């Protein structure tokens, strides 16, 4: 097992290219939370020729719908949602400069192709660990679509957010490599 890598600031193309499927990462920096309803609105804005409500160059989008914060907390539990629901929208956002996505579960071939084409990365966050992940969130601010409630786009500042590289910029994919390695080990 490889050592956990600490990344801070932004994930640019060079950093994305240095990551490999299966790498463990603690990320510190800015992450934008957006789910399906927000993604649809982002694509509608692009179709209308309008600006997006956050800078996309090297942006990281976290597929989550955080629960409301209890008094004294920055945010409520904030675990990943199933990423496949963003697959119709992700390639276009990656083509515009989004550098990384965080979610859970396998991605479609069109998303994998966009990851490779744009030298991006897809991180997996642990499902079922929403309260634990929320502890890494230092601040949260709604930046767009407040009417969507938990699905509003939020800007998060995170400290040591635990992630695994699920799909790297060469197409390396834990969702295919992991099962294949397991099957090979059981065939012996």
N, C-alpha and C. Protein backbone atom coordinates (compact mmCIF):
# COMPACT_ATOMS: atom_id res chain seq x y z
N UNK A 1 0.85 -1.19 0.00
CA UNK A 1 0.00 0.00 0.00
C UNK A 1 0.89 1.24 0.00
N UNK A 2 0.54 2.19 -0.83
CA UNK A 2 1.35 3.41 -0.93
C UNK A 2 1.05 4.36 0.23
N UNK A 3 1.97 5.27 0.43
CA UNK A 3 1.84 6.26 1.49
C UNK A 3 0.79 7.31 1.09
N UNK A 4 0.08 7.83 2.08
CA UNK A 4 -0.91 8.87 1.82
C UNK A 4 -0.18 10.15 1.41
N UNK A 5 -0.68 10.76 0.36
CA UNK A 5 -0.06 11.98 -0.17
C UNK A 5 -0.88 13.18 0.24
N UNK A 6 -0.21 14.22 0.72
CA UNK A 6 -0.89 15.47 1.07
C UNK A 6 -0.81 16.42 -0.12
N UNK A 7 -1.98 16.95 -0.50
CA UNK A 7 -2.05 17.93 -1.57
C UNK A 7 -2.72 19.18 -1.02
N UNK A 8 -2.19 20.34 -1.38
CA UNK A 8 -2.78 21.60 -0.90
C UNK A 8 -2.87 22.59 -2.06
N UNK A 9 -3.86 23.46 -1.96
CA UNK A 9 -4.05 24.50 -2.97
C UNK A 9 -4.98 24.03 -4.05
N UNK A 10 -4.50 24.03 -5.29
CA UNK A 10 -5.32 23.55 -6.41
C UNK A 10 -4.68 22.30 -7.00
N UNK A 11 -5.46 21.59 -7.74
CA UNK A 11 -4.93 20.46 -8.49
C UNK A 11 -4.86 20.90 -9.93
N UNK A 12 -3.64 21.18 -10.38
CA UNK A 12 -3.45 21.59 -11.75
C UNK A 12 -3.16 20.35 -12.61
N UNK A 13 -2.92 20.56 -13.88
CA UNK A 13 -2.70 19.44 -14.79
C UNK A 13 -1.50 18.60 -14.37
N UNK A 14 -0.40 19.25 -13.99
CA UNK A 14 0.81 18.52 -13.58
C UNK A 14 0.53 17.65 -12.36
N UNK A 15 -0.19 18.19 -11.39
CA UNK A 15 -0.52 17.41 -10.19
C UNK A 15 -1.43 16.25 -10.56
N UNK A 16 -2.44 16.50 -11.39
CA UNK A 16 -3.34 15.42 -11.81
C UNK A 16 -2.57 14.31 -12.49
N UNK A 17 -1.58 14.67 -13.31
CA UNK A 17 -0.80 13.66 -14.02
C UNK A 17 0.09 12.85 -13.09
N UNK A 18 0.36 13.36 -11.91
CA UNK A 18 1.21 12.63 -10.96
C UNK A 18 0.43 11.65 -10.09
N UNK A 19 -0.89 11.66 -10.21
CA UNK A 19 -1.74 10.79 -9.38
C UNK A 19 -2.09 9.52 -10.14
N UNK A 20 -2.19 8.42 -9.39
CA UNK A 20 -2.47 7.13 -10.00
C UNK A 20 -3.63 6.46 -9.27
N UNK A 21 -4.42 5.72 -10.03
CA UNK A 21 -5.56 5.00 -9.45
C UNK A 21 -5.11 4.22 -8.23
N UNK A 22 -5.84 4.40 -7.14
CA UNK A 22 -5.52 3.74 -5.88
C UNK A 22 -4.76 4.60 -4.90
N UNK A 23 -4.15 5.71 -5.37
CA UNK A 23 -3.42 6.59 -4.45
C UNK A 23 -4.36 7.15 -3.38
N UNK A 24 -3.86 7.22 -2.17
CA UNK A 24 -4.59 7.84 -1.06
C UNK A 24 -4.12 9.29 -0.93
N UNK A 25 -5.08 10.20 -0.76
CA UNK A 25 -4.78 11.64 -0.74
C UNK A 25 -5.48 12.29 0.44
N UNK A 26 -4.81 13.26 1.06
CA UNK A 26 -5.44 14.19 2.00
C UNK A 26 -5.38 15.54 1.32
N UNK A 27 -6.53 16.08 0.94
CA UNK A 27 -6.56 17.33 0.18
C UNK A 27 -6.96 18.50 1.06
N UNK A 28 -6.21 19.60 0.92
CA UNK A 28 -6.51 20.86 1.60
C UNK A 28 -6.65 21.93 0.53
N UNK A 29 -7.81 22.60 0.51
CA UNK A 29 -8.04 23.64 -0.49
C UNK A 29 -9.52 23.88 -0.70
N UNK A 30 -9.85 24.42 -1.87
CA UNK A 30 -11.22 24.78 -2.20
C UNK A 30 -11.89 23.67 -3.02
N UNK A 31 -13.12 23.36 -2.63
CA UNK A 31 -13.94 22.36 -3.31
C UNK A 31 -15.33 22.98 -3.48
N UNK A 32 -15.94 22.79 -4.64
CA UNK A 32 -17.31 23.25 -4.87
C UNK A 32 -18.25 22.05 -4.82
N UNK A 33 -19.29 22.17 -4.02
CA UNK A 33 -20.29 21.11 -3.90
C UNK A 33 -21.40 21.37 -4.90
N UNK A 34 -21.72 20.34 -5.70
CA UNK A 34 -22.83 20.46 -6.66
C UNK A 34 -23.34 19.06 -6.97
N UNK A 35 -24.66 18.95 -6.99
CA UNK A 35 -25.31 17.68 -7.35
C UNK A 35 -26.07 17.84 -8.66
N UNK A 36 -26.96 16.90 -8.95
CA UNK A 36 -27.62 16.85 -10.26
C UNK A 36 -28.40 18.11 -10.62
N UNK A 37 -29.22 18.62 -9.70
CA UNK A 37 -30.04 19.79 -10.03
C UNK A 37 -29.16 21.00 -10.35
N UNK A 38 -28.09 21.17 -9.58
CA UNK A 38 -27.16 22.28 -9.84
C UNK A 38 -26.42 22.07 -11.15
N UNK A 39 -26.03 20.84 -11.44
CA UNK A 39 -25.35 20.56 -12.70
C UNK A 39 -26.24 20.89 -13.90
N UNK A 40 -27.50 20.56 -13.81
CA UNK A 40 -28.42 20.88 -14.91
C UNK A 40 -28.47 22.39 -15.12
N UNK A 41 -28.53 23.14 -14.02
CA UNK A 41 -28.55 24.60 -14.16
C UNK A 41 -27.25 25.14 -14.74
N UNK A 42 -26.12 24.54 -14.38
CA UNK A 42 -24.84 24.98 -14.94
C UNK A 42 -24.83 24.78 -16.46
N UNK A 43 -25.29 23.64 -16.89
CA UNK A 43 -25.33 23.36 -18.34
C UNK A 43 -26.32 24.30 -19.03
N UNK A 44 -27.45 24.59 -18.39
CA UNK A 44 -28.41 25.55 -18.96
C UNK A 44 -27.76 26.92 -19.11
N UNK A 45 -26.95 27.34 -18.14
CA UNK A 45 -26.24 28.62 -18.24
C UNK A 45 -25.30 28.60 -19.44
N UNK A 46 -24.54 27.52 -19.57
CA UNK A 46 -23.60 27.41 -20.70
C UNK A 46 -24.34 27.45 -22.02
N UNK A 47 -25.47 26.75 -22.10
CA UNK A 47 -26.27 26.74 -23.34
C UNK A 47 -26.78 28.13 -23.68
N UNK A 48 -27.02 28.95 -22.65
CA UNK A 48 -27.50 30.32 -22.86
C UNK A 48 -26.35 31.30 -23.07
N UNK A 49 -25.10 30.79 -23.07
CA UNK A 49 -23.94 31.65 -23.28
C UNK A 49 -23.58 32.50 -22.07
N UNK A 50 -24.02 32.09 -20.90
CA UNK A 50 -23.77 32.87 -19.68
C UNK A 50 -22.59 32.31 -18.89
N UNK A 51 -22.11 33.13 -17.95
CA UNK A 51 -20.99 32.75 -17.09
C UNK A 51 -21.44 31.78 -16.00
N UNK A 52 -20.54 30.90 -15.61
CA UNK A 52 -20.82 30.01 -14.49
C UNK A 52 -20.60 30.75 -13.17
N UNK A 53 -21.25 30.34 -12.08
CA UNK A 53 -21.18 31.08 -10.82
C UNK A 53 -19.91 30.84 -10.00
N UNK A 54 -18.97 30.09 -10.54
CA UNK A 54 -17.69 29.90 -9.87
C UNK A 54 -16.64 29.66 -10.95
N UNK A 55 -15.37 29.93 -10.63
CA UNK A 55 -14.32 29.73 -11.63
C UNK A 55 -14.07 28.24 -11.88
N UNK A 56 -14.12 27.81 -13.14
CA UNK A 56 -13.97 26.39 -13.44
C UNK A 56 -12.53 25.95 -13.66
N UNK A 57 -11.64 26.87 -13.97
CA UNK A 57 -10.26 26.50 -14.24
C UNK A 57 -9.65 25.82 -13.02
N UNK A 58 -9.28 24.56 -13.18
CA UNK A 58 -8.70 23.72 -12.12
C UNK A 58 -9.63 23.54 -10.92
N UNK A 59 -10.92 23.72 -11.11
CA UNK A 59 -11.88 23.55 -10.02
C UNK A 59 -12.04 22.08 -9.67
N UNK A 60 -12.46 21.85 -8.43
CA UNK A 60 -12.79 20.52 -7.95
C UNK A 60 -14.26 20.55 -7.55
N UNK A 61 -15.04 19.64 -8.11
CA UNK A 61 -16.46 19.56 -7.80
C UNK A 61 -16.72 18.30 -6.99
N UNK A 62 -17.35 18.49 -5.84
CA UNK A 62 -17.69 17.39 -4.93
C UNK A 62 -19.17 17.11 -5.06
N UNK A 63 -19.51 15.89 -5.42
CA UNK A 63 -20.90 15.49 -5.58
C UNK A 63 -21.45 15.11 -4.20
N UNK A 64 -22.10 16.07 -3.57
CA UNK A 64 -22.64 15.85 -2.23
C UNK A 64 -23.81 16.79 -2.01
N UNK A 65 -24.63 16.45 -1.05
CA UNK A 65 -25.74 17.30 -0.63
C UNK A 65 -25.68 17.37 0.88
N UNK A 66 -24.91 18.29 1.42
CA UNK A 66 -24.70 18.32 2.86
C UNK A 66 -25.98 18.54 3.65
N UNK A 67 -26.05 17.88 4.78
CA UNK A 67 -27.18 18.08 5.70
C UNK A 67 -27.01 19.44 6.37
N UNK A 68 -28.11 20.01 6.86
CA UNK A 68 -28.01 21.29 7.56
C UNK A 68 -27.07 21.19 8.76
N UNK A 69 -26.37 22.28 9.02
CA UNK A 69 -25.44 22.32 10.16
C UNK A 69 -26.21 22.48 11.46
N UNK A 70 -25.74 21.80 12.48
CA UNK A 70 -26.26 22.00 13.82
C UNK A 70 -25.61 23.26 14.38
N UNK A 71 -26.22 23.86 15.40
CA UNK A 71 -25.61 25.07 15.99
C UNK A 71 -24.15 24.84 16.35
N UNK A 72 -23.32 25.80 15.95
CA UNK A 72 -21.90 25.72 16.24
C UNK A 72 -21.08 24.93 15.24
N UNK A 73 -21.74 24.33 14.24
CA UNK A 73 -21.03 23.57 13.22
C UNK A 73 -20.97 24.36 11.92
N UNK A 74 -19.94 24.10 11.14
CA UNK A 74 -19.78 24.74 9.83
C UNK A 74 -20.77 24.15 8.83
N UNK A 75 -20.98 22.84 8.92
CA UNK A 75 -21.81 22.12 7.97
C UNK A 75 -22.27 20.83 8.65
N UNK A 76 -23.35 20.28 8.14
CA UNK A 76 -23.80 18.99 8.65
C UNK A 76 -23.05 17.87 7.95
N UNK A 77 -23.44 16.63 8.17
CA UNK A 77 -22.81 15.52 7.47
C UNK A 77 -22.79 15.77 5.97
N UNK A 78 -21.66 15.43 5.36
CA UNK A 78 -21.44 15.82 3.95
C UNK A 78 -20.74 14.69 3.20
N UNK A 79 -21.47 13.61 2.98
CA UNK A 79 -20.89 12.47 2.29
C UNK A 79 -21.15 12.51 0.80
N UNK A 80 -20.41 11.71 0.05
CA UNK A 80 -20.54 11.70 -1.41
C UNK A 80 -21.85 11.06 -1.86
N UNK A 81 -22.35 11.53 -2.99
CA UNK A 81 -23.50 10.91 -3.61
C UNK A 81 -23.02 10.13 -4.84
N UNK A 82 -23.87 9.30 -5.37
CA UNK A 82 -23.52 8.48 -6.53
C UNK A 82 -23.22 9.37 -7.73
N UNK A 83 -22.03 9.21 -8.25
CA UNK A 83 -21.54 10.11 -9.30
C UNK A 83 -22.19 9.91 -10.65
N UNK A 84 -22.70 8.72 -10.92
CA UNK A 84 -23.26 8.46 -12.26
C UNK A 84 -24.34 9.46 -12.63
N UNK A 85 -25.00 10.06 -11.63
CA UNK A 85 -26.07 11.01 -11.95
C UNK A 85 -25.53 12.29 -12.59
N UNK A 86 -24.24 12.57 -12.40
CA UNK A 86 -23.63 13.75 -13.02
C UNK A 86 -22.97 13.42 -14.35
N UNK A 87 -22.97 12.14 -14.75
CA UNK A 87 -22.29 11.74 -15.98
C UNK A 87 -22.77 12.48 -17.23
N UNK A 88 -24.07 12.81 -17.37
CA UNK A 88 -24.46 13.55 -18.57
C UNK A 88 -23.85 14.96 -18.66
N UNK A 89 -23.44 15.51 -17.52
CA UNK A 89 -22.94 16.89 -17.47
C UNK A 89 -21.42 16.98 -17.34
N UNK A 90 -20.79 15.99 -16.74
CA UNK A 90 -19.37 16.07 -16.39
C UNK A 90 -18.44 16.30 -17.58
N UNK A 91 -18.59 15.61 -18.71
CA UNK A 91 -17.63 15.84 -19.79
C UNK A 91 -17.54 17.30 -20.23
N UNK A 92 -18.67 17.96 -20.32
CA UNK A 92 -18.65 19.36 -20.76
C UNK A 92 -17.92 20.24 -19.75
N UNK A 93 -18.13 19.99 -18.46
CA UNK A 93 -17.45 20.79 -17.44
C UNK A 93 -15.95 20.49 -17.41
N UNK A 94 -15.59 19.23 -17.62
CA UNK A 94 -14.16 18.88 -17.69
C UNK A 94 -13.51 19.56 -18.90
N UNK A 95 -14.21 19.58 -20.02
CA UNK A 95 -13.68 20.24 -21.22
C UNK A 95 -13.48 21.73 -20.99
N UNK A 96 -14.24 22.33 -20.07
CA UNK A 96 -14.12 23.77 -19.78
C UNK A 96 -13.04 24.08 -18.74
N UNK A 97 -12.47 23.05 -18.10
CA UNK A 97 -11.38 23.32 -17.17
C UNK A 97 -11.51 22.73 -15.78
N UNK A 98 -12.67 22.16 -15.43
CA UNK A 98 -12.76 21.49 -14.14
C UNK A 98 -11.68 20.41 -14.13
N UNK A 99 -10.89 20.34 -13.07
CA UNK A 99 -9.75 19.44 -13.03
C UNK A 99 -10.02 18.14 -12.27
N UNK A 100 -10.95 18.20 -11.31
CA UNK A 100 -11.18 17.00 -10.50
C UNK A 100 -12.64 16.94 -10.05
N UNK A 101 -13.07 15.71 -9.82
CA UNK A 101 -14.40 15.46 -9.28
C UNK A 101 -14.24 14.53 -8.09
N UNK A 102 -15.16 14.67 -7.13
CA UNK A 102 -15.16 13.80 -5.96
C UNK A 102 -16.56 13.22 -5.84
N UNK A 103 -16.66 11.93 -5.67
CA UNK A 103 -17.95 11.29 -5.51
C UNK A 103 -17.77 9.86 -5.07
N UNK A 104 -18.72 9.02 -5.48
CA UNK A 104 -18.58 7.59 -5.22
C UNK A 104 -19.18 6.82 -6.38
N UNK A 105 -18.58 5.70 -6.68
CA UNK A 105 -19.08 4.83 -7.72
C UNK A 105 -18.43 5.02 -9.07
N UNK A 106 -18.65 4.03 -9.91
CA UNK A 106 -18.07 4.01 -11.26
C UNK A 106 -18.64 5.12 -12.13
N UNK A 107 -17.89 5.44 -13.19
CA UNK A 107 -18.29 6.48 -14.14
C UNK A 107 -18.49 5.88 -15.52
N UNK A 108 -19.25 6.60 -16.34
CA UNK A 108 -19.51 6.14 -17.72
C UNK A 108 -18.25 6.30 -18.56
N UNK A 109 -18.25 5.62 -19.71
CA UNK A 109 -17.09 5.70 -20.60
C UNK A 109 -16.90 7.14 -21.11
N UNK A 110 -17.99 7.88 -21.33
CA UNK A 110 -17.83 9.27 -21.82
C UNK A 110 -17.12 10.14 -20.77
N UNK A 111 -17.37 9.90 -19.49
CA UNK A 111 -16.67 10.65 -18.44
C UNK A 111 -15.22 10.22 -18.39
N UNK A 112 -14.96 8.92 -18.45
CA UNK A 112 -13.58 8.44 -18.44
C UNK A 112 -12.81 9.02 -19.61
N UNK A 113 -13.42 9.05 -20.78
CA UNK A 113 -12.77 9.64 -21.96
C UNK A 113 -12.45 11.11 -21.73
N UNK A 114 -13.36 11.85 -21.09
CA UNK A 114 -13.12 13.28 -20.81
C UNK A 114 -12.03 13.46 -19.76
N UNK A 115 -11.96 12.56 -18.79
CA UNK A 115 -10.88 12.60 -17.79
C UNK A 115 -9.53 12.46 -18.48
N UNK A 116 -9.42 11.46 -19.36
CA UNK A 116 -8.17 11.22 -20.08
C UNK A 116 -7.85 12.39 -21.02
N UNK A 117 -8.83 12.82 -21.79
CA UNK A 117 -8.64 13.90 -22.77
C UNK A 117 -8.16 15.20 -22.12
N UNK A 118 -8.65 15.47 -20.91
CA UNK A 118 -8.36 16.74 -20.24
C UNK A 118 -7.34 16.63 -19.12
N UNK A 119 -6.76 15.45 -18.94
CA UNK A 119 -5.77 15.22 -17.87
C UNK A 119 -6.35 15.60 -16.51
N UNK A 120 -7.46 14.97 -16.19
CA UNK A 120 -8.18 15.23 -14.94
C UNK A 120 -8.08 14.03 -14.02
N UNK A 121 -8.79 14.10 -12.90
CA UNK A 121 -8.79 13.01 -11.94
C UNK A 121 -10.17 12.92 -11.29
N UNK A 122 -10.56 11.70 -10.99
CA UNK A 122 -11.80 11.45 -10.26
C UNK A 122 -11.43 10.79 -8.94
N UNK A 123 -11.79 11.47 -7.86
CA UNK A 123 -11.53 10.96 -6.52
C UNK A 123 -12.79 10.29 -5.97
N UNK A 124 -12.60 9.25 -5.19
CA UNK A 124 -13.69 8.65 -4.45
C UNK A 124 -13.55 9.08 -2.99
N UNK A 125 -14.67 9.45 -2.41
CA UNK A 125 -14.75 9.69 -0.97
C UNK A 125 -15.54 8.52 -0.40
N UNK A 126 -15.30 8.21 0.84
CA UNK A 126 -15.92 7.04 1.44
C UNK A 126 -17.41 7.28 1.70
N UNK A 127 -18.24 6.47 1.06
CA UNK A 127 -19.67 6.53 1.32
C UNK A 127 -19.95 6.05 2.74
N UNK A 128 -20.93 6.62 3.40
CA UNK A 128 -21.27 6.23 4.76
C UNK A 128 -20.43 6.92 5.81
N UNK A 129 -19.54 7.80 5.37
CA UNK A 129 -18.65 8.50 6.31
C UNK A 129 -18.92 10.00 6.31
N UNK A 130 -20.18 10.39 6.11
CA UNK A 130 -20.54 11.80 5.95
C UNK A 130 -20.14 12.66 7.14
N UNK A 131 -20.36 12.17 8.36
CA UNK A 131 -20.00 12.94 9.55
C UNK A 131 -18.49 13.08 9.67
N UNK A 132 -17.78 12.02 9.33
CA UNK A 132 -16.31 12.06 9.38
C UNK A 132 -15.77 13.05 8.35
N UNK A 133 -16.29 13.00 7.12
CA UNK A 133 -15.83 13.92 6.08
C UNK A 133 -16.12 15.37 6.48
N UNK A 134 -17.27 15.61 7.10
CA UNK A 134 -17.63 16.98 7.51
C UNK A 134 -16.60 17.58 8.46
N UNK A 135 -15.90 16.75 9.21
CA UNK A 135 -14.87 17.25 10.12
C UNK A 135 -13.71 17.90 9.38
N UNK A 136 -13.53 17.57 8.09
CA UNK A 136 -12.45 18.17 7.32
C UNK A 136 -12.86 19.49 6.68
N UNK A 137 -14.12 19.90 6.84
CA UNK A 137 -14.62 21.12 6.21
C UNK A 137 -14.49 22.29 7.18
N UNK A 138 -13.63 23.24 6.82
CA UNK A 138 -13.35 24.38 7.68
C UNK A 138 -14.34 25.52 7.48
N UNK A 139 -14.87 25.66 6.27
CA UNK A 139 -15.87 26.69 6.00
C UNK A 139 -16.74 26.27 4.83
N UNK A 140 -17.96 26.81 4.82
CA UNK A 140 -18.92 26.51 3.75
C UNK A 140 -19.73 27.76 3.47
N UNK A 141 -19.88 28.07 2.19
CA UNK A 141 -20.61 29.26 1.78
C UNK A 141 -21.41 28.96 0.52
N UNK A 142 -22.70 29.26 0.52
CA UNK A 142 -23.52 29.09 -0.68
C UNK A 142 -23.08 30.13 -1.70
N UNK A 143 -22.80 29.67 -2.93
CA UNK A 143 -22.39 30.59 -3.99
C UNK A 143 -23.43 30.69 -5.12
N UNK A 144 -24.36 29.72 -5.17
CA UNK A 144 -25.38 29.77 -6.22
C UNK A 144 -26.52 28.81 -5.88
N UNK A 145 -27.71 29.17 -6.36
CA UNK A 145 -28.89 28.31 -6.31
C UNK A 145 -29.32 27.96 -4.88
N UNK A 146 -29.38 28.97 -4.03
CA UNK A 146 -29.80 28.76 -2.64
C UNK A 146 -31.18 28.11 -2.57
N UNK A 147 -32.01 28.36 -3.59
CA UNK A 147 -33.35 27.77 -3.60
C UNK A 147 -33.33 26.24 -3.68
N UNK A 148 -32.19 25.66 -4.02
CA UNK A 148 -32.08 24.21 -4.09
C UNK A 148 -31.81 23.56 -2.72
N UNK A 149 -31.69 24.37 -1.69
CA UNK A 149 -31.46 23.83 -0.35
C UNK A 149 -30.16 23.06 -0.27
N UNK A 150 -30.24 21.77 0.09
CA UNK A 150 -29.01 20.99 0.23
C UNK A 150 -28.28 20.80 -1.10
N UNK A 151 -28.97 21.02 -2.21
CA UNK A 151 -28.32 20.88 -3.50
C UNK A 151 -27.77 22.20 -4.06
N UNK A 152 -27.80 23.26 -3.26
CA UNK A 152 -27.19 24.53 -3.68
C UNK A 152 -25.70 24.32 -3.90
N UNK A 153 -25.12 25.15 -4.77
CA UNK A 153 -23.66 25.09 -4.95
C UNK A 153 -23.02 25.82 -3.78
N UNK A 154 -22.10 25.11 -3.12
CA UNK A 154 -21.37 25.67 -1.99
C UNK A 154 -19.88 25.66 -2.28
N UNK A 155 -19.21 26.68 -1.77
CA UNK A 155 -17.75 26.72 -1.80
C UNK A 155 -17.29 26.25 -0.43
N UNK A 156 -16.53 25.17 -0.42
CA UNK A 156 -16.00 24.63 0.82
C UNK A 156 -14.50 24.86 0.87
N UNK A 157 -14.01 25.15 2.04
CA UNK A 157 -12.57 25.11 2.32
C UNK A 157 -12.37 23.88 3.17
N UNK A 158 -11.56 22.96 2.67
CA UNK A 158 -11.36 21.70 3.37
C UNK A 158 -9.91 21.57 3.82
N UNK A 159 -9.72 20.81 4.89
CA UNK A 159 -8.39 20.55 5.43
C UNK A 159 -8.25 19.04 5.59
N UNK A 160 -7.30 18.48 4.88
CA UNK A 160 -7.01 17.04 4.93
C UNK A 160 -8.25 16.18 4.66
N UNK A 161 -8.96 16.52 3.62
CA UNK A 161 -10.12 15.71 3.20
C UNK A 161 -9.61 14.38 2.65
N UNK A 162 -10.05 13.25 3.23
CA UNK A 162 -9.52 11.95 2.80
C UNK A 162 -10.17 11.47 1.49
N UNK A 163 -9.33 11.18 0.51
CA UNK A 163 -9.80 10.78 -0.82
C UNK A 163 -8.94 9.64 -1.37
N UNK A 164 -9.50 8.93 -2.31
CA UNK A 164 -8.77 7.91 -3.06
C UNK A 164 -8.88 8.24 -4.54
N UNK A 165 -7.78 8.16 -5.27
CA UNK A 165 -7.84 8.36 -6.71
C UNK A 165 -8.55 7.15 -7.29
N UNK A 166 -9.75 7.36 -7.82
CA UNK A 166 -10.55 6.28 -8.39
C UNK A 166 -10.26 6.10 -9.87
N UNK A 167 -10.15 7.22 -10.61
CA UNK A 167 -9.81 7.17 -12.04
C UNK A 167 -8.75 8.25 -12.27
N UNK A 168 -7.61 7.83 -12.82
CA UNK A 168 -6.54 8.79 -13.07
C UNK A 168 -6.57 9.27 -14.52
N UNK A 169 -5.67 10.19 -14.84
CA UNK A 169 -5.71 10.84 -16.15
C UNK A 169 -5.26 9.94 -17.29
N UNK A 170 -4.81 8.72 -16.98
CA UNK A 170 -4.48 7.76 -18.05
C UNK A 170 -5.61 6.77 -18.25
N UNK A 171 -6.66 6.87 -17.42
CA UNK A 171 -7.76 5.92 -17.49
C UNK A 171 -7.64 4.79 -16.49
N UNK A 172 -6.55 4.79 -15.70
CA UNK A 172 -6.43 3.81 -14.62
C UNK A 172 -7.65 3.92 -13.73
N UNK A 173 -8.26 2.78 -13.37
CA UNK A 173 -9.59 2.82 -12.78
C UNK A 173 -9.72 1.76 -11.69
N UNK A 174 -9.85 2.18 -10.44
CA UNK A 174 -9.98 1.21 -9.34
C UNK A 174 -11.24 0.37 -9.46
N UNK A 175 -12.24 0.88 -10.14
CA UNK A 175 -13.49 0.14 -10.27
C UNK A 175 -13.37 -1.05 -11.24
N UNK A 176 -12.36 -1.04 -12.09
CA UNK A 176 -12.10 -2.20 -12.95
C UNK A 176 -10.85 -2.95 -12.50
N UNK A 177 -9.82 -2.23 -12.06
CA UNK A 177 -8.57 -2.88 -11.66
C UNK A 177 -8.72 -3.66 -10.36
N UNK A 178 -9.49 -3.13 -9.41
CA UNK A 178 -9.66 -3.80 -8.13
C UNK A 178 -10.32 -5.17 -8.28
N UNK A 179 -11.49 -5.23 -8.93
CA UNK A 179 -12.12 -6.54 -9.14
C UNK A 179 -11.25 -7.50 -9.95
N UNK A 180 -10.54 -6.98 -10.97
CA UNK A 180 -9.68 -7.84 -11.78
C UNK A 180 -8.55 -8.42 -10.93
N UNK A 181 -7.95 -7.60 -10.06
CA UNK A 181 -6.88 -8.10 -9.19
C UNK A 181 -7.41 -9.13 -8.21
N UNK A 182 -8.60 -8.91 -7.70
CA UNK A 182 -9.21 -9.87 -6.77
C UNK A 182 -9.47 -11.20 -7.49
N UNK A 183 -10.05 -11.15 -8.69
CA UNK A 183 -10.33 -12.38 -9.43
C UNK A 183 -9.04 -13.14 -9.74
N UNK A 184 -7.98 -12.39 -10.09
CA UNK A 184 -6.70 -13.03 -10.38
C UNK A 184 -6.12 -13.70 -9.14
N UNK A 185 -6.29 -13.06 -7.97
CA UNK A 185 -5.75 -13.64 -6.73
C UNK A 185 -6.52 -14.87 -6.30
N UNK A 186 -7.80 -14.93 -6.60
CA UNK A 186 -8.60 -16.10 -6.20
C UNK A 186 -8.48 -17.25 -7.17
N UNK A 187 -7.95 -16.98 -8.38
CA UNK A 187 -7.78 -18.02 -9.40
C UNK A 187 -6.55 -18.87 -9.14
N UNK A 188 -5.68 -18.38 -8.25
CA UNK A 188 -4.43 -19.11 -7.98
C UNK A 188 -4.66 -20.35 -7.22
